[in-house]
C-alpha atoms as a PDB file:
ATOM      1  CA  MET A   1       0.000   0.000   0.000  1.00  0.00           C
ATOM      2  CA  GLU A   2       1.298   3.452  -0.869  1.00  0.00           C
ATOM      3  CA  PRO A   3       2.142   5.817   1.992  1.00  0.00           C
ATOM      4  CA  ALA A   4      -0.452   8.385   2.976  1.00  0.00           C
ATOM      5  CA  PHE A   5       0.247  11.804   4.405  1.00  0.00           C
ATOM      6  CA  VAL A   6      -1.890  13.195   7.203  1.00  0.00           C
ATOM      7  CA  THR A   7      -1.757  16.372   9.276  1.00  0.00           C
ATOM      8  CA  VAL A   8      -1.328  16.386  13.035  1.00  0.00           C
ATOM      9  CA  SER A   9      -3.968  18.503  14.786  1.00  0.00           C
ATOM     10  CA  SER A  10      -3.114  21.017  17.498  1.00  0.00           C
ATOM     11  CA  GLU A  11      -4.235  18.338  20.006  1.00  0.00           C
ATOM     12  CA  GLY A  12      -1.764  15.808  18.541  1.00  0.00           C
ATOM     13  CA  GLN A  13      -4.432  13.797  16.746  1.00  0.00           C
ATOM     14  CA  VAL A  14      -4.186  12.223  13.306  1.00  0.00           C
ATOM     15  CA  VAL A  15      -6.856  10.636  11.135  1.00  0.00           C
ATOM     16  CA  ILE A  16      -5.953   7.202   9.790  1.00  0.00           C
ATOM     17  CA  PRO A  17      -7.097   6.964   6.156  1.00  0.00           C
ATOM     18  CA  PRO A  18     -10.016   4.562   5.588  1.00  0.00           C
ATOM     19  CA  GLU A  19      -8.049   2.211   3.294  1.00  0.00           C
ATOM     20  CA  PHE A  20      -5.614   1.480   6.137  1.00  0.00           C
ATOM     21  CA  LEU A  21      -8.445   0.963   8.617  1.00  0.00           C
ATOM     22  CA  GLU A  22     -10.212  -1.446   6.284  1.00  0.00           C
ATOM     23  CA  SER A  23      -7.114  -3.455   5.358  1.00  0.00           C
ATOM     24  CA  LEU A  24      -6.223  -3.957   9.037  1.00  0.00           C
ATOM     25  CA  GLY A  25      -9.767  -4.478  10.280  1.00  0.00           C
ATOM     26  CA  ILE A  26      -9.633  -1.492  12.631  1.00  0.00           C
ATOM     27  CA  VAL A  27     -13.043  -0.267  13.754  1.00  0.00           C
ATOM     28  CA  ALA A  28     -14.157   2.695  15.859  1.00  0.00           C
ATOM     29  CA  GLY A  29     -13.171   2.190  19.487  1.00  0.00           C
ATOM     30  CA  ALA A  30     -10.387  -0.294  18.656  1.00  0.00           C
ATOM     31  CA  ARG A  31      -7.166  -0.113  20.643  1.00  0.00           C
ATOM     32  CA  ILE A  32      -3.929   0.595  18.792  1.00  0.00           C
ATOM     33  CA  SER A  33      -0.450   0.300  20.262  1.00  0.00           C
ATOM     34  CA  ILE A  34       2.045   3.009  19.363  1.00  0.00           C
ATOM     35  CA  ARG A  35       5.797   2.975  19.894  1.00  0.00           C
ATOM     36  CA  GLU A  36       8.804   4.968  18.782  1.00  0.00           C
ATOM     37  CA  GLU A  37      11.705   3.124  17.225  1.00  0.00           C
ATOM     38  CA  GLY A  38      14.650   4.700  15.484  1.00  0.00           C
ATOM     39  CA  GLY A  39      12.923   8.055  15.059  1.00  0.00           C
ATOM     40  CA  GLU A  40       9.782   6.472  13.575  1.00  0.00           C
ATOM     41  CA  LEU A  41       6.335   5.870  15.015  1.00  0.00           C
ATOM     42  CA  HIS A  42       4.927   2.378  14.656  1.00  0.00           C
ATOM     43  CA  LEU A  43       1.200   1.782  15.018  1.00  0.00           C
ATOM     44  CA  ARG A  44      -0.225  -1.705  15.468  1.00  0.00           C
ATOM     45  CA  PRO A  45      -3.804  -2.787  16.078  1.00  0.00           C
ATOM     46  CA  ASP A  46      -4.146  -4.353  19.516  1.00  0.00           C
ATOM     47  CA  THR A  47      -6.176  -7.319  18.300  1.00  0.00           C
ATOM     48  CA  LEU A  48      -5.755 -11.056  18.558  1.00  0.00           C
ATOM     49  CA  GLU A  49      -5.135 -11.196  14.803  1.00  0.00           C
ATOM     50  CA  ALA A  50      -2.342  -8.610  15.076  1.00  0.00           C
ATOM     51  CA  LYS A  51      -0.739 -10.486  17.965  1.00  0.00           C
ATOM     52  CA  LEU A  52      -0.901 -13.767  16.038  1.00  0.00           C
ATOM     53  CA  ARG A  53       0.673 -12.026  13.030  1.00  0.00           C
ATOM     54  CA  VAL A  54       3.622 -10.958  15.220  1.00  0.00           C
ATOM     55  CA  ILE A  55       4.019 -14.521  16.483  1.00  0.00           C
ATOM     56  CA  ASP A  56       3.982 -15.805  12.894  1.00  0.00           C
ATOM     57  CA  GLU A  57       6.622 -13.225  11.929  1.00  0.00           C
ATOM     58  CA  LEU A  58       8.873 -14.305  14.807  1.00  0.00           C
ATOM     59  CA  CYS A  59       8.347 -18.026  14.337  1.00  0.00           C
ATOM     60  CA  GLY A  60      11.536 -19.656  13.128  1.00  0.00           C
ATOM     61  CA  ILE A  61      13.816 -16.608  13.304  1.00  0.00           C
ATOM     62  CA  THR A  62      16.353 -18.594  15.328  1.00  0.00           C
ATOM     63  CA  ALA A  63      16.138 -21.714  13.156  1.00  0.00           C
ATOM     64  CA  GLY A  64      19.512 -23.001  12.116  1.00  0.00           C
ATOM     65  CA  GLY A  65      21.268 -21.240  14.958  1.00  0.00           C
ATOM     66  CA  PRO A  66      22.960 -22.846  17.932  1.00  0.00           C
ATOM     67  CA  SER A  67      20.771 -24.860  20.262  1.00  0.00           C
ATOM     68  CA  MET A  68      20.613 -23.317  23.705  1.00  0.00           C
ATOM     69  CA  THR A  69      19.543 -26.699  25.085  1.00  0.00           C
ATOM     70  CA  ASP A  70      22.649 -28.360  23.648  1.00  0.00           C
ATOM     71  CA  ASP A  71      24.839 -25.572  25.062  1.00  0.00           C
ATOM     72  CA  LEU A  72      23.279 -25.907  28.518  1.00  0.00           C
ATOM     73  CA  LEU A  73      23.650 -29.695  28.495  1.00  0.00           C
ATOM     74  CA  GLU A  74      27.296 -29.431  27.446  1.00  0.00           C
ATOM     75  CA  ASP A  75      27.946 -26.910  30.242  1.00  0.00           C
ATOM     76  CA  ARG A  76      26.312 -29.249  32.745  1.00  0.00           C
ATOM     77  CA  ARG A  77      28.414 -32.213  31.500  1.00  0.00           C
ATOM     78  CA  ARG A  78      31.593 -30.185  32.041  1.00  0.00           C
ATOM     79  CA  GLU A  79      30.432 -29.117  35.512  1.00  0.00           C
ATOM     80  CA  ARG A  80      29.617 -32.743  36.414  1.00  0.00           C
ATOM     81  CA  ALA A  81      33.010 -33.944  35.185  1.00  0.00           C
ATOM     82  CA  LEU A  82      34.699 -31.323  37.393  1.00  0.00           C
ATOM     83  CA  GLU A  83      32.546 -32.374  40.358  1.00  0.00           C
ATOM     84  CA  LEU A  84      33.441 -36.032  39.850  1.00  0.00           C
ATOM     85  CA  ALA A  85      37.158 -35.223  39.454  1.00  0.00           C
ATOM     86  CA  LYS A  86      37.044 -33.147  42.636  1.00  0.00           C
ATOM     87  CA  ASP A  87      35.467 -36.103  44.481  1.00  0.00           C
ATOM     88  CA  GLY A  88      38.183 -38.483  43.179  1.00  0.00           C
ATOM     89  CA  PHE A  89      36.220 -40.279  40.475  1.00  0.00           C
END
């Protein structure tokens, strides 16, 4: 979707263009989260669908990376070996 330009009112309000509201399923009275990141404002509908979309976006981002479970198990094996050596085994 092409960017839209809106004007900020003296009260700090902006009107979200209808095409954005429709495409995101935002209705009157809906909650929207807003955050600043890197000098930009990010708006996100506070709906179950929006939250599920974030989960879908994050799903698998660590795939192919090191396994934290394997790292923790290896650390524990080393600790156990040191414990056994200390006890004379």
